[in-house]
């Protein structure tokens, strides 16, 4: 199947052990097909020899950051500099197989679609499985949609459409999580295609507990942007339940306490706040949809 021209964006930070083979394998595969493409590598101020290795590839567009911005920041730079509207993002550590790329491209049928390479849960490190499940549950609850793989770094989307949400997306590792929930909230189509993932070709992953915590905060932040009722109403309900329990004790003791007043007051405040936040969210979405 003939595909539209596309740009592959690869963020690079301290991947001297893997980047050369990753790019060579990718180029060999792409050149064996009838693809029209460009590859952009964004060197996010690596402190090893990654930048020098990238400069050896004359057929690849290399952008060097003057300061480290993070995974998401590197992706944003690459996306904004893409020549073609169809953008593919891949990791630089050799985990993503070029052979899976045609499956993603074939599933990408219009600009309002994002195609995501879905990994199997057992292809995630055991130490991260719990965090991955937690992220999955939180995102599913807030955005009311089953998200099989919220932070896969192998995906295809439209530069024009994704650019509407880049200002909301994290500069760090939660970029992919951010863009996923932004698309869901905007009623865009997400298509999940199973992919195979290899072990890192070299180096150590920089994803850790701190990264997971930041990702959860980003999900809650975007929940407040797109689905504030789903974030704030449960908090209001907790205050209401706590207030009712406190009031029950007050009735038993025939004494209305300041604790009960505080809890019920916060129930009302949080409820009104959630309604106002929902209206602001609706206005924001209208502006994004109409490009105002």
C-alpha atoms as a PDB file:
ATOM      1  CA  UNK A   1       0.000   0.000   0.000  1.00  0.00           C
ATOM      2  CA  UNK A   2       1.370   3.400  -1.011  1.00  0.00           C
ATOM      3  CA  UNK A   3       1.639   5.845   1.867  1.00  0.00           C
ATOM      4  CA  UNK A   4       1.855   9.621   2.010  1.00  0.00           C
ATOM      5  CA  UNK A   5       5.288  11.198   2.539  1.00  0.00           C
ATOM      6  CA  UNK A   6       6.186  11.275   6.207  1.00  0.00           C
ATOM      7  CA  UNK A   7       8.712  12.653   8.677  1.00  0.00           C
ATOM      8  CA  UNK A   8      10.263  10.453  11.360  1.00  0.00           C
ATOM      9  CA  UNK A   9      11.206  12.365  14.510  1.00  0.00           C
ATOM     10  CA  UNK A  10      13.704  10.734  16.886  1.00  0.00           C
ATOM     11  CA  UNK A  11      14.710  12.430  20.154  1.00  0.00           C
ATOM     12  CA  UNK A  12      18.261  11.592  21.213  1.00  0.00           C
ATOM     13  CA  UNK A  13      19.908  11.989  24.605  1.00  0.00           C
ATOM     14  CA  UNK A  14      23.066  10.087  25.526  1.00  0.00           C
ATOM     15  CA  UNK A  15      22.452   7.127  23.219  1.00  0.00           C
ATOM     16  CA  UNK A  16      25.967   6.662  21.820  1.00  0.00           C
ATOM     17  CA  UNK A  17      25.733   2.900  22.319  1.00  0.00           C
ATOM     18  CA  UNK A  18      22.590   2.477  20.246  1.00  0.00           C
ATOM     19  CA  UNK A  19      21.925   5.406  17.934  1.00  0.00           C
ATOM     20  CA  UNK A  20      24.243   4.384  15.072  1.00  0.00           C
ATOM     21  CA  UNK A  21      22.743   0.903  14.642  1.00  0.00           C
ATOM     22  CA  UNK A  22      19.226   2.226  15.234  1.00  0.00           C
ATOM     23  CA  UNK A  23      19.534   4.756  12.410  1.00  0.00           C
ATOM     24  CA  UNK A  24      21.346   2.380  10.056  1.00  0.00           C
ATOM     25  CA  UNK A  25      18.688  -0.305  10.481  1.00  0.00           C
ATOM     26  CA  UNK A  26      15.932   2.259  10.032  1.00  0.00           C
ATOM     27  CA  UNK A  27      17.472   3.732   6.870  1.00  0.00           C
ATOM     28  CA  UNK A  28      18.153   0.304   5.358  1.00  0.00           C
ATOM     29  CA  UNK A  29      14.545  -0.719   5.885  1.00  0.00           C
ATOM     30  CA  UNK A  30      13.038   2.530   4.590  1.00  0.00           C
ATOM     31  CA  UNK A  31      15.269   2.595   1.517  1.00  0.00           C
ATOM     32  CA  UNK A  32      14.123  -0.927   0.642  1.00  0.00           C
ATOM     33  CA  UNK A  33      10.548   0.362   0.365  1.00  0.00           C
ATOM     34  CA  UNK A  34       8.898   2.899  -1.918  1.00  0.00           C
ATOM     35  CA  UNK A  35       8.587   5.485   0.823  1.00  0.00           C
ATOM     36  CA  UNK A  36       9.041   9.225   0.558  1.00  0.00           C
ATOM     37  CA  UNK A  37      10.364  10.324   3.914  1.00  0.00           C
ATOM     38  CA  UNK A  38      12.748  12.415   5.961  1.00  0.00           C
ATOM     39  CA  UNK A  39      14.366  11.635   9.308  1.00  0.00           C
ATOM     40  CA  UNK A  40      14.880  14.330  11.927  1.00  0.00           C
ATOM     41  CA  UNK A  41      17.027  13.574  14.965  1.00  0.00           C
ATOM     42  CA  UNK A  42      16.952  16.076  17.806  1.00  0.00           C
ATOM     43  CA  UNK A  43      20.065  15.916  19.963  1.00  0.00           C
ATOM     44  CA  UNK A  44      18.854  17.121  23.348  1.00  0.00           C
ATOM     45  CA  UNK A  45      22.295  18.387  24.433  1.00  0.00           C
ATOM     46  CA  UNK A  46      23.775  14.937  24.954  1.00  0.00           C
ATOM     47  CA  UNK A  47      26.879  14.798  27.121  1.00  0.00           C
ATOM     48  CA  UNK A  48      28.345  11.771  25.332  1.00  0.00           C
ATOM     49  CA  UNK A  49      29.252  11.241  21.652  1.00  0.00           C
ATOM     50  CA  UNK A  50      25.657  11.025  20.416  1.00  0.00           C
ATOM     51  CA  UNK A  51      25.849  14.421  18.690  1.00  0.00           C
ATOM     52  CA  UNK A  52      29.047  13.522  16.804  1.00  0.00           C
ATOM     53  CA  UNK A  53      27.582  10.206  15.672  1.00  0.00           C
ATOM     54  CA  UNK A  54      24.429  11.940  14.408  1.00  0.00           C
ATOM     55  CA  UNK A  55      26.477  14.420  12.376  1.00  0.00           C
ATOM     56  CA  UNK A  56      28.028  11.498  10.482  1.00  0.00           C
ATOM     57  CA  UNK A  57      24.638  10.759   8.863  1.00  0.00           C
ATOM     58  CA  UNK A  58      24.536  13.210   5.964  1.00  0.00           C
ATOM     59  CA  UNK A  59      21.072  12.089   4.837  1.00  0.00           C
ATOM     60  CA  UNK A  60      19.488  12.832   8.222  1.00  0.00           C
ATOM     61  CA  UNK A  61      18.440  16.272   9.435  1.00  0.00           C
ATOM     62  CA  UNK A  62      20.046  16.823  12.833  1.00  0.00           C
ATOM     63  CA  UNK A  63      18.960  19.564  15.233  1.00  0.00           C
ATOM     64  CA  UNK A  64      21.144  20.253  18.269  1.00  0.00           C
ATOM     65  CA  UNK A  65      19.529  21.759  21.370  1.00  0.00           C
ATOM     66  CA  UNK A  66      21.763  24.288  23.131  1.00  0.00           C
ATOM     67  CA  UNK A  67      20.336  23.161  26.455  1.00  0.00           C
ATOM     68  CA  UNK A  68      18.603  20.005  27.595  1.00  0.00           C
ATOM     69  CA  UNK A  69      14.831  20.382  27.309  1.00  0.00           C
ATOM     70  CA  UNK A  70      13.714  16.822  27.901  1.00  0.00           C
ATOM     71  CA  UNK A  71      12.096  14.083  25.832  1.00  0.00           C
ATOM     72  CA  UNK A  72       8.946  16.076  25.105  1.00  0.00           C
ATOM     73  CA  UNK A  73      10.892  19.220  24.294  1.00  0.00           C
ATOM     74  CA  UNK A  74      12.994  17.323  21.754  1.00  0.00           C
ATOM     75  CA  UNK A  75       9.866  15.867  20.155  1.00  0.00           C
ATOM     76  CA  UNK A  76       8.251  19.298  19.918  1.00  0.00           C
ATOM     77  CA  UNK A  77      11.317  20.670  18.126  1.00  0.00           C
ATOM     78  CA  UNK A  78      11.291  17.790  15.664  1.00  0.00           C
ATOM     79  CA  UNK A  79       7.543  17.991  15.018  1.00  0.00           C
ATOM     80  CA  UNK A  80       7.601  21.738  14.389  1.00  0.00           C
ATOM     81  CA  UNK A  81      10.505  21.312  11.939  1.00  0.00           C
ATOM     82  CA  UNK A  82       8.905  18.421  10.037  1.00  0.00           C
ATOM     83  CA  UNK A  83       8.606  18.930   6.283  1.00  0.00           C
ATOM     84  CA  UNK A  84       5.659  16.560   5.893  1.00  0.00           C
ATOM     85  CA  UNK A  85       2.329  16.645   7.714  1.00  0.00           C
ATOM     86  CA  UNK A  86       2.393  12.926   8.524  1.00  0.00           C
ATOM     87  CA  UNK A  87       4.735  12.549  11.490  1.00  0.00           C
ATOM     88  CA  UNK A  88       6.137   9.357  13.000  1.00  0.00           C
ATOM     89  CA  UNK A  89       7.850   9.440  16.385  1.00  0.00           C
ATOM     90  CA  UNK A  90      10.226   6.657  17.454  1.00  0.00           C
ATOM     91  CA  UNK A  91      12.709   6.108  20.252  1.00  0.00           C
ATOM     92  CA  UNK A  92      16.460   6.189  19.678  1.00  0.00           C
ATOM     93  CA  UNK A  93      17.393   3.201  21.841  1.00  0.00           C
ATOM     94  CA  UNK A  94      16.600   0.489  19.299  1.00  0.00           C
ATOM     95  CA  UNK A  95      13.460  -0.788  21.043  1.00  0.00           C
ATOM     96  CA  UNK A  96      11.139  -0.005  18.128  1.00  0.00           C
ATOM     97  CA  UNK A  97      11.368  -2.189  15.036  1.00  0.00           C
ATOM     98  CA  UNK A  98      11.261  -0.476  11.610  1.00  0.00           C
ATOM     99  CA  UNK A  99       9.348  -3.530  10.355  1.00  0.00           C
ATOM    100  CA  UNK A 100       6.342  -2.419  12.448  1.00  0.00           C
ATOM    101  CA  UNK A 101       6.214   1.002  10.792  1.00  0.00           C
ATOM    102  CA  UNK A 102       4.158  -0.025   7.702  1.00  0.00           C
ATOM    103  CA  UNK A 103       1.414  -1.393   9.981  1.00  0.00           C
ATOM    104  CA  UNK A 104       1.093   1.970  11.706  1.00  0.00           C
ATOM    105  CA  UNK A 105       1.219   3.934   8.456  1.00  0.00           C
ATOM    106  CA  UNK A 106      -1.431   1.733   6.814  1.00  0.00           C
ATOM    107  CA  UNK A 107      -3.782   2.319   9.756  1.00  0.00           C
ATOM    108  CA  UNK A 108      -3.325   6.093   9.567  1.00  0.00           C
ATOM    109  CA  UNK A 109      -6.218   7.138   7.325  1.00  0.00           C
ATOM    110  CA  UNK A 110      -6.954  10.805   8.129  1.00  0.00           C
ATOM    111  CA  UNK A 111      -5.602  13.841   9.971  1.00  0.00           C
ATOM    112  CA  UNK A 112      -7.950  13.361  12.926  1.00  0.00           C
ATOM    113  CA  UNK A 113      -6.408   9.974  13.691  1.00  0.00           C
ATOM    114  CA  UNK A 114      -3.464   9.015  15.851  1.00  0.00           C
ATOM    115  CA  UNK A 115      -2.055   5.517  15.438  1.00  0.00           C
ATOM    116  CA  UNK A 116      -0.258   4.174  18.492  1.00  0.00           C
ATOM    117  CA  UNK A 117       2.051   1.186  18.682  1.00  0.00           C
ATOM    118  CA  UNK A 118       0.616  -0.902  21.508  1.00  0.00           C
ATOM    119  CA  UNK A 119       3.112  -2.852  23.603  1.00  0.00           C
ATOM    120  CA  UNK A 120       2.309  -5.940  25.622  1.00  0.00           C
ATOM    121  CA  UNK A 121       2.316  -5.430  29.392  1.00  0.00           C
ATOM    122  CA  UNK A 122       5.022  -8.061  29.871  1.00  0.00           C
ATOM    123  CA  UNK A 123       7.294  -6.037  27.583  1.00  0.00           C
ATOM    124  CA  UNK A 124       7.496  -3.458  30.362  1.00  0.00           C
ATOM    125  CA  UNK A 125      10.058  -3.834  33.153  1.00  0.00           C
ATOM    126  CA  UNK A 126       8.572  -5.603  36.175  1.00  0.00           C
ATOM    127  CA  UNK A 127       9.435  -2.613  38.376  1.00  0.00           C
ATOM    128  CA  UNK A 128       7.245  -0.396  36.196  1.00  0.00           C
ATOM    129  CA  UNK A 129       4.216  -2.647  35.749  1.00  0.00           C
ATOM    130  CA  UNK A 130       2.437  -1.355  38.884  1.00  0.00           C
ATOM    131  CA  UNK A 131       3.017   2.262  37.848  1.00  0.00           C
ATOM    132  CA  UNK A 132       1.832   1.525  34.323  1.00  0.00           C
ATOM    133  CA  UNK A 133      -1.377  -0.061  35.637  1.00  0.00           C
ATOM    134  CA  UNK A 134      -1.934   2.902  37.990  1.00  0.00           C
ATOM    135  CA  UNK A 135      -1.533   5.396  35.139  1.00  0.00           C
ATOM    136  CA  UNK A 136      -3.926   3.310  33.062  1.00  0.00           C
ATOM    137  CA  UNK A 137      -6.594   3.279  35.795  1.00  0.00           C
ATOM    138  CA  UNK A 138      -6.348   7.009  36.570  1.00  0.00           C
ATOM    139  CA  UNK A 139      -6.489   8.023  32.897  1.00  0.00           C
ATOM    140  CA  UNK A 140      -9.361   5.625  32.182  1.00  0.00           C
ATOM    141  CA  UNK A 141     -11.388   7.054  35.070  1.00  0.00           C
ATOM    142  CA  UNK A 142     -10.832  10.722  34.194  1.00  0.00           C
ATOM    143  CA  UNK A 143     -11.237  10.437  30.435  1.00  0.00           C
ATOM    144  CA  UNK A 144     -13.786   7.582  30.407  1.00  0.00           C
ATOM    145  CA  UNK A 145     -12.015   5.592  27.724  1.00  0.00           C
ATOM    146  CA  UNK A 146      -9.981   2.410  27.717  1.00  0.00           C
ATOM    147  CA  UNK A 147      -6.414   3.389  26.853  1.00  0.00           C
ATOM    148  CA  UNK A 148      -4.393   0.207  26.205  1.00  0.00           C
ATOM    149  CA  UNK A 149      -1.027   1.992  26.013  1.00  0.00           C
ATOM    150  CA  UNK A 150      -1.017   5.628  27.112  1.00  0.00           C
ATOM    151  CA  UNK A 151       2.695   6.377  26.810  1.00  0.00           C
ATOM    152  CA  UNK A 152       3.992   4.382  23.855  1.00  0.00           C
ATOM    153  CA  UNK A 153       6.725   6.321  22.073  1.00  0.00           C
ATOM    154  CA  UNK A 154       5.991   4.818  18.637  1.00  0.00           C
ATOM    155  CA  UNK A 155       3.077   6.545  16.901  1.00  0.00           C
ATOM    156  CA  UNK A 156       1.829   8.334  13.779  1.00  0.00           C
ATOM    157  CA  UNK A 157      -0.177  11.567  13.646  1.00  0.00           C
ATOM    158  CA  UNK A 158      -0.734  14.826  11.767  1.00  0.00           C
ATOM    159  CA  UNK A 159       1.659  17.694  12.429  1.00  0.00           C
ATOM    160  CA  UNK A 160      -1.122  20.222  11.825  1.00  0.00           C
ATOM    161  CA  UNK A 161      -3.524  18.617  14.296  1.00  0.00           C
ATOM    162  CA  UNK A 162      -0.934  17.733  16.943  1.00  0.00           C
ATOM    163  CA  UNK A 163       0.425  21.294  16.875  1.00  0.00           C
ATOM    164  CA  UNK A 164      -2.875  22.491  18.367  1.00  0.00           C
ATOM    165  CA  UNK A 165      -1.997  20.669  21.586  1.00  0.00           C
ATOM    166  CA  UNK A 166       1.785  21.014  21.844  1.00  0.00           C
ATOM    167  CA  UNK A 167       1.519  23.922  24.302  1.00  0.00           C
ATOM    168  CA  UNK A 168      -0.370  21.606  26.662  1.00  0.00           C
ATOM    169  CA  UNK A 169       2.077  18.726  26.359  1.00  0.00           C
ATOM    170  CA  UNK A 170       4.869  18.044  28.808  1.00  0.00           C
ATOM    171  CA  UNK A 171       8.492  18.792  27.924  1.00  0.00           C
ATOM    172  CA  UNK A 172       9.469  15.615  29.762  1.00  0.00           C
ATOM    173  CA  UNK A 173       8.658  11.900  29.399  1.00  0.00           C
ATOM    174  CA  UNK A 174       4.916  12.426  29.868  1.00  0.00           C
ATOM    175  CA  UNK A 175       4.687  14.081  26.434  1.00  0.00           C
ATOM    176  CA  UNK A 176       3.140  10.973  24.908  1.00  0.00           C
ATOM    177  CA  UNK A 177       0.641  10.718  27.773  1.00  0.00           C
ATOM    178  CA  UNK A 178      -0.262  14.383  27.285  1.00  0.00           C
ATOM    179  CA  UNK A 179      -0.877  14.138  23.537  1.00  0.00           C
ATOM    180  CA  UNK A 180      -2.898  10.939  24.004  1.00  0.00           C
ATOM    181  CA  UNK A 181      -5.394  12.462  26.442  1.00  0.00           C
ATOM    182  CA  UNK A 182      -5.553  15.679  24.391  1.00  0.00           C
ATOM    183  CA  UNK A 183      -6.640  13.660  21.345  1.00  0.00           C
ATOM    184  CA  UNK A 184      -9.164  11.676  23.381  1.00  0.00           C
ATOM    185  CA  UNK A 185     -10.677  14.833  24.869  1.00  0.00           C
ATOM    186  CA  UNK A 186     -10.965  16.378  21.400  1.00  0.00           C
ATOM    187  CA  UNK A 187     -12.881  13.332  20.125  1.00  0.00           C
ATOM    188  CA  UNK A 188     -10.130  12.349  17.704  1.00  0.00           C
ATOM    189  CA  UNK A 189      -9.720   8.708  16.743  1.00  0.00           C
ATOM    190  CA  UNK A 190      -7.011   6.645  18.412  1.00  0.00           C
ATOM    191  CA  UNK A 191      -6.047   3.373  16.759  1.00  0.00           C
ATOM    192  CA  UNK A 192      -3.863   0.894  18.645  1.00  0.00           C
ATOM    193  CA  UNK A 193      -1.713  -1.457  16.587  1.00  0.00           C
ATOM    194  CA  UNK A 194       0.199  -4.271  18.358  1.00  0.00           C
ATOM    195  CA  UNK A 195       3.969  -3.935  17.989  1.00  0.00           C
ATOM    196  CA  UNK A 196       7.012  -5.858  19.161  1.00  0.00           C
ATOM    197  CA  UNK A 197       9.551  -4.173  21.407  1.00  0.00           C
ATOM    198  CA  UNK A 198      13.199  -5.156  21.689  1.00  0.00           C
ATOM    199  CA  UNK A 199      15.459  -4.733  24.683  1.00  0.00           C
ATOM    200  CA  UNK A 200      17.331  -1.435  24.775  1.00  0.00           C
ATOM    201  CA  UNK A 201      20.445  -1.588  22.605  1.00  0.00           C
ATOM    202  CA  UNK A 202      22.502   0.217  25.241  1.00  0.00           C
ATOM    203  CA  UNK A 203      22.458   2.616  28.172  1.00  0.00           C
ATOM    204  CA  UNK A 204      19.921   2.828  30.952  1.00  0.00           C
ATOM    205  CA  UNK A 205      16.360   4.064  30.809  1.00  0.00           C
ATOM    206  CA  UNK A 206      15.800   7.368  32.614  1.00  0.00           C
ATOM    207  CA  UNK A 207      12.195   6.522  33.489  1.00  0.00           C
ATOM    208  CA  UNK A 208      11.858   6.199  37.275  1.00  0.00           C
ATOM    209  CA  UNK A 209       9.490   6.799  40.197  1.00  0.00           C
ATOM    210  CA  UNK A 210       9.893  10.558  39.855  1.00  0.00           C
ATOM    211  CA  UNK A 211       8.958  10.320  36.175  1.00  0.00           C
ATOM    212  CA  UNK A 212       5.844   8.310  37.042  1.00  0.00           C
ATOM    213  CA  UNK A 213       4.802  10.825  39.699  1.00  0.00           C
ATOM    214  CA  UNK A 214       5.206  13.693  37.240  1.00  0.00           C
ATOM    215  CA  UNK A 215       3.127  11.775  34.705  1.00  0.00           C
ATOM    216  CA  UNK A 216       0.294  11.311  37.216  1.00  0.00           C
ATOM    217  CA  UNK A 217       0.401  15.053  37.982  1.00  0.00           C
ATOM    218  CA  UNK A 218       0.277  15.783  34.236  1.00  0.00           C
ATOM    219  CA  UNK A 219      -2.755  13.521  33.815  1.00  0.00           C
ATOM    220  CA  UNK A 220      -4.518  15.386  36.643  1.00  0.00           C
ATOM    221  CA  UNK A 221      -3.488  18.729  35.146  1.00  0.00           C
ATOM    222  CA  UNK A 222      -4.879  17.773  31.750  1.00  0.00           C
ATOM    223  CA  UNK A 223      -7.934  16.365  33.486  1.00  0.00           C
ATOM    224  CA  UNK A 224      -8.530  19.861  34.861  1.00  0.00           C
ATOM    225  CA  UNK A 225      -8.108  21.270  31.352  1.00  0.00           C
ATOM    226  CA  UNK A 226     -10.361  18.814  29.524  1.00  0.00           C
ATOM    227  CA  UNK A 227     -12.489  16.975  32.111  1.00  0.00           C
ATOM    228  CA  UNK A 228     -12.599  19.076  35.318  1.00  0.00           C
ATOM    229  CA  UNK A 229     -15.837  17.518  36.556  1.00  0.00           C
ATOM    230  CA  UNK A 230     -14.201  14.091  36.586  1.00  0.00           C
ATOM    231  CA  UNK A 231     -11.351  15.436  38.731  1.00  0.00           C
ATOM    232  CA  UNK A 232     -13.111  17.812  41.125  1.00  0.00           C
ATOM    233  CA  UNK A 233     -16.503  16.150  41.725  1.00  0.00           C
ATOM    234  CA  UNK A 234     -14.972  13.092  43.455  1.00  0.00           C
ATOM    235  CA  UNK A 235     -13.172  15.487  45.824  1.00  0.00           C
ATOM    236  CA  UNK A 236     -16.462  17.280  46.490  1.00  0.00           C
ATOM    237  CA  UNK A 237     -18.111  13.911  47.149  1.00  0.00           C
ATOM    238  CA  UNK A 238     -15.392  12.987  49.661  1.00  0.00           C
ATOM    239  CA  UNK A 239     -16.013  16.237  51.557  1.00  0.00           C
ATOM    240  CA  UNK A 240     -19.772  15.551  51.459  1.00  0.00           C
ATOM    241  CA  UNK A 241     -19.387  12.043  52.871  1.00  0.00           C
ATOM    242  CA  UNK A 242     -16.965  13.230  55.556  1.00  0.00           C
ATOM    243  CA  UNK A 243     -19.338  16.083  56.402  1.00  0.00           C
ATOM    244  CA  UNK A 244     -22.284  13.711  56.736  1.00  0.00           C
ATOM    245  CA  UNK A 245     -20.314  11.418  59.052  1.00  0.00           C
ATOM    246  CA  UNK A 246     -19.273  14.417  61.154  1.00  0.00           C
ATOM    247  CA  UNK A 247     -22.863  15.701  61.226  1.00  0.00           C
ATOM    248  CA  UNK A 248     -24.070  12.314  62.443  1.00  0.00           C
ATOM    249  CA  UNK A 249     -21.739  12.566  65.431  1.00  0.00           C
ATOM    250  CA  UNK A 250     -22.890  16.154  65.970  1.00  0.00           C
ATOM    251  CA  UNK A 251     -26.532  15.042  66.082  1.00  0.00           C
ATOM    252  CA  UNK A 252     -25.678  12.342  68.573  1.00  0.00           C
ATOM    253  CA  UNK A 253     -23.903  14.880  70.793  1.00  0.00           C
ATOM    254  CA  UNK A 254     -26.452  17.640  70.063  1.00  0.00           C
ATOM    255  CA  UNK A 255     -23.620  20.012  69.105  1.00  0.00           C
ATOM    256  CA  UNK A 256     -22.896  21.398  65.619  1.00  0.00           C
ATOM    257  CA  UNK A 257     -19.104  21.537  65.296  1.00  0.00           C
ATOM    258  CA  UNK A 258     -16.886  23.723  63.145  1.00  0.00           C
ATOM    259  CA  UNK A 259     -15.550  20.549  61.476  1.00  0.00           C
ATOM    260  CA  UNK A 260     -18.971  19.762  60.002  1.00  0.00           C
ATOM    261  CA  UNK A 261     -19.416  23.356  58.818  1.00  0.00           C
ATOM    262  CA  UNK A 262     -15.939  23.290  57.255  1.00  0.00           C
ATOM    263  CA  UNK A 263     -16.586  19.990  55.423  1.00  0.00           C
ATOM    264  CA  UNK A 264     -19.988  20.995  54.063  1.00  0.00           C
ATOM    265  CA  UNK A 265     -18.691  24.444  53.064  1.00  0.00           C
ATOM    266  CA  UNK A 266     -15.892  22.846  51.087  1.00  0.00           C
ATOM    267  CA  UNK A 267     -18.390  20.484  49.441  1.00  0.00           C
ATOM    268  CA  UNK A 268     -20.316  23.469  48.071  1.00  0.00           C
ATOM    269  CA  UNK A 269     -17.158  25.374  47.104  1.00  0.00           C
ATOM    270  CA  UNK A 270     -15.663  22.403  45.238  1.00  0.00           C
ATOM    271  CA  UNK A 271     -18.957  21.736  43.461  1.00  0.00           C
ATOM    272  CA  UNK A 272     -19.277  25.342  42.256  1.00  0.00           C
ATOM    273  CA  UNK A 273     -15.596  25.366  41.293  1.00  0.00           C
ATOM    274  CA  UNK A 274     -16.063  22.219  39.195  1.00  0.00           C
ATOM    275  CA  UNK A 275     -18.965  23.797  37.294  1.00  0.00           C
ATOM    276  CA  UNK A 276     -16.940  26.943  36.553  1.00  0.00           C
ATOM    277  CA  UNK A 277     -13.946  24.859  35.473  1.00  0.00           C
ATOM    278  CA  UNK A 278     -16.188  22.836  33.145  1.00  0.00           C
ATOM    279  CA  UNK A 279     -17.420  26.011  31.454  1.00  0.00           C
ATOM    280  CA  UNK A 280     -13.859  27.278  30.991  1.00  0.00           C
ATOM    281  CA  UNK A 281     -12.887  23.893  29.557  1.00  0.00           C
ATOM    282  CA  UNK A 282     -15.749  24.047  27.044  1.00  0.00           C
ATOM    283  CA  UNK A 283     -14.673  27.510  25.927  1.00  0.00           C
ATOM    284  CA  UNK A 284     -11.065  26.351  25.542  1.00  0.00           C
ATOM    285  CA  UNK A 285     -12.131  23.372  23.410  1.00  0.00           C
ATOM    286  CA  UNK A 286     -14.215  25.605  21.150  1.00  0.00           C
ATOM    287  CA  UNK A 287     -11.175  27.835  20.591  1.00  0.00           C
ATOM    288  CA  UNK A 288      -8.993  24.805  19.756  1.00  0.00           C
ATOM    289  CA  UNK A 289     -11.573  23.306  17.389  1.00  0.00           C
ATOM    290  CA  UNK A 290     -12.092  26.517  15.440  1.00  0.00           C
ATOM    291  CA  UNK A 291      -8.473  27.620  15.543  1.00  0.00           C
ATOM    292  CA  UNK A 292      -9.329  31.001  17.035  1.00  0.00           C
END
